[in-house]
C-alpha atoms as a PDB file:
ATOM      1  CA  UNK A   1     104.617  31.743 235.994  1.00  0.00           C
ATOM      2  CA  UNK A   2     105.461  31.218 239.526  1.00  0.00           C
ATOM      3  CA  UNK A   3     105.965  33.762 241.921  1.00  0.00           C
ATOM      4  CA  UNK A   4     109.736  34.134 243.486  1.00  0.00           C
ATOM      5  CA  UNK A   5     110.369  34.393 247.215  1.00  0.00           C
ATOM      6  CA  UNK A   6     110.206  37.757 248.445  1.00  0.00           C
ATOM      7  CA  UNK A   7     113.462  39.734 249.330  1.00  0.00           C
ATOM      8  CA  UNK A   8     111.877  41.470 252.249  1.00  0.00           C
ATOM      9  CA  UNK A   9     112.276  41.388 255.826  1.00  0.00           C
ATOM     10  CA  UNK A  10     111.283  38.048 257.843  1.00  0.00           C
ATOM     11  CA  UNK A  11     107.728  38.710 259.836  1.00  0.00           C
ATOM     12  CA  UNK A  12     109.426  36.722 263.105  1.00  0.00           C
ATOM     13  CA  UNK A  13     108.814  33.362 264.099  1.00  0.00           C
ATOM     14  CA  UNK A  14     110.167  31.851 260.887  1.00  0.00           C
ATOM     15  CA  UNK A  15     107.347  33.218 258.732  1.00  0.00           C
ATOM     16  CA  UNK A  16     108.094  35.549 255.761  1.00  0.00           C
ATOM     17  CA  UNK A  17     106.301  37.961 253.650  1.00  0.00           C
ATOM     18  CA  UNK A  18     104.943  37.443 250.421  1.00  0.00           C
ATOM     19  CA  UNK A  19     102.628  39.873 247.949  1.00  0.00           C
ATOM     20  CA  UNK A  20     100.037  36.929 247.666  1.00  0.00           C
ATOM     21  CA  UNK A  21      99.381  36.418 251.656  1.00  0.00           C
ATOM     22  CA  UNK A  22      95.737  36.183 251.970  1.00  0.00           C
ATOM     23  CA  UNK A  23      95.022  35.786 248.360  1.00  0.00           C
ATOM     24  CA  UNK A  24      93.718  32.963 246.421  1.00  0.00           C
ATOM     25  CA  UNK A  25      96.517  30.969 244.703  1.00  0.00           C
ATOM     26  CA  UNK A  26      97.034  28.037 242.367  1.00  0.00           C
ATOM     27  CA  UNK A  27      99.305  25.288 243.198  1.00  0.00           C
ATOM     28  CA  UNK A  28     100.863  23.834 240.165  1.00  0.00           C
ATOM     29  CA  UNK A  29     102.744  21.277 242.192  1.00  0.00           C
ATOM     30  CA  UNK A  30      99.398  19.731 242.913  1.00  0.00           C
ATOM     31  CA  UNK A  31      97.682  19.569 239.789  1.00  0.00           C
ATOM     32  CA  UNK A  32      96.507  22.959 239.900  1.00  0.00           C
ATOM     33  CA  UNK A  33      94.458  22.800 243.149  1.00  0.00           C
ATOM     34  CA  UNK A  34      93.636  26.313 244.471  1.00  0.00           C
ATOM     35  CA  UNK A  35      93.548  27.798 248.093  1.00  0.00           C
ATOM     36  CA  UNK A  36      94.491  30.772 249.940  1.00  0.00           C
ATOM     37  CA  UNK A  37      98.124  31.483 250.807  1.00  0.00           C
ATOM     38  CA  UNK A  38      98.053  31.715 254.480  1.00  0.00           C
ATOM     39  CA  UNK A  39     101.900  31.790 255.412  1.00  0.00           C
ATOM     40  CA  UNK A  40     105.400  31.188 254.127  1.00  0.00           C
ATOM     41  CA  UNK A  41     106.918  29.498 256.981  1.00  0.00           C
ATOM     42  CA  UNK A  42     108.941  26.401 257.926  1.00  0.00           C
ATOM     43  CA  UNK A  43     107.343  23.179 258.441  1.00  0.00           C
ATOM     44  CA  UNK A  44     108.119  20.755 261.426  1.00  0.00           C
ATOM     45  CA  UNK A  45     109.927  17.854 260.114  1.00  0.00           C
ATOM     46  CA  UNK A  46     108.678  15.087 262.758  1.00  0.00           C
ATOM     47  CA  UNK A  47     104.852  14.833 263.480  1.00  0.00           C
ATOM     48  CA  UNK A  48     105.228  15.910 266.994  1.00  0.00           C
ATOM     49  CA  UNK A  49     102.270  18.451 267.745  1.00  0.00           C
ATOM     50  CA  UNK A  50     103.715  19.506 271.189  1.00  0.00           C
ATOM     51  CA  UNK A  51     104.920  22.882 272.120  1.00  0.00           C
ATOM     52  CA  UNK A  52     107.551  24.340 269.356  1.00  0.00           C
ATOM     53  CA  UNK A  53     110.312  25.891 271.406  1.00  0.00           C
ATOM     54  CA  UNK A  54     112.140  27.531 268.502  1.00  0.00           C
ATOM     55  CA  UNK A  55     111.857  28.111 264.780  1.00  0.00           C
ATOM     56  CA  UNK A  56     112.489  24.906 262.775  1.00  0.00           C
ATOM     57  CA  UNK A  57     115.889  24.987 260.563  1.00  0.00           C
ATOM     58  CA  UNK A  58     113.978  23.976 257.591  1.00  0.00           C
ATOM     59  CA  UNK A  59     113.314  25.794 254.165  1.00  0.00           C
ATOM     60  CA  UNK A  60     110.025  27.695 254.323  1.00  0.00           C
ATOM     61  CA  UNK A  61     107.112  26.135 252.704  1.00  0.00           C
ATOM     62  CA  UNK A  62     103.756  27.752 251.391  1.00  0.00           C
ATOM     63  CA  UNK A  63     100.972  26.918 253.660  1.00  0.00           C
ATOM     64  CA  UNK A  64      97.669  27.072 251.732  1.00  0.00           C
ATOM     65  CA  UNK A  65      94.079  26.463 253.007  1.00  0.00           C
ATOM     66  CA  UNK A  66      91.332  25.118 250.926  1.00  0.00           C
ATOM     67  CA  UNK A  67      88.825  28.036 250.165  1.00  0.00           C
ATOM     68  CA  UNK A  68      85.615  25.960 251.432  1.00  0.00           C
ATOM     69  CA  UNK A  69      87.437  24.817 254.643  1.00  0.00           C
ATOM     70  CA  UNK A  70      89.237  21.934 255.526  1.00  0.00           C
ATOM     71  CA  UNK A  71      92.574  20.595 255.932  1.00  0.00           C
ATOM     72  CA  UNK A  72      95.663  22.896 255.102  1.00  0.00           C
ATOM     73  CA  UNK A  73      98.264  21.568 252.920  1.00  0.00           C
ATOM     74  CA  UNK A  74     101.969  22.721 251.960  1.00  0.00           C
ATOM     75  CA  UNK A  75     103.625  23.097 248.901  1.00  0.00           C
ATOM     76  CA  UNK A  76     106.944  24.990 247.541  1.00  0.00           C
ATOM     77  CA  UNK A  77     106.877  28.538 247.400  1.00  0.00           C
ATOM     78  CA  UNK A  78     107.815  28.627 243.542  1.00  0.00           C
ATOM     79  CA  UNK A  79     105.118  26.455 242.811  1.00  0.00           C
ATOM     80  CA  UNK A  80     102.333  28.851 243.775  1.00  0.00           C
ATOM     81  CA  UNK A  81     100.842  31.746 241.443  1.00  0.00           C
ATOM     82  CA  UNK A  82      98.140  34.089 241.799  1.00  0.00           C
ATOM     83  CA  UNK A  83      94.782  32.937 240.669  1.00  0.00           C
ATOM     84  CA  UNK A  84      92.848  34.229 237.852  1.00  0.00           C
END
């Protein structure tokens, strides 16, 4: 069962509130990989690591970080659910 995007107010800078922020989740789009939900926010389309002057006009994605540390990854917000 996936968790729908919340209908609450945006948090600013393109970030959205979500009931699972800061909690361990399972990413069904990536084979059940688990991580901690860090943000629901848009992703920059190009690979320019420079200064971002405005919020990208892209759909929000779920930003997850591995529990033991490592590189964050993104997935569709409707692909995550609370880990047991």
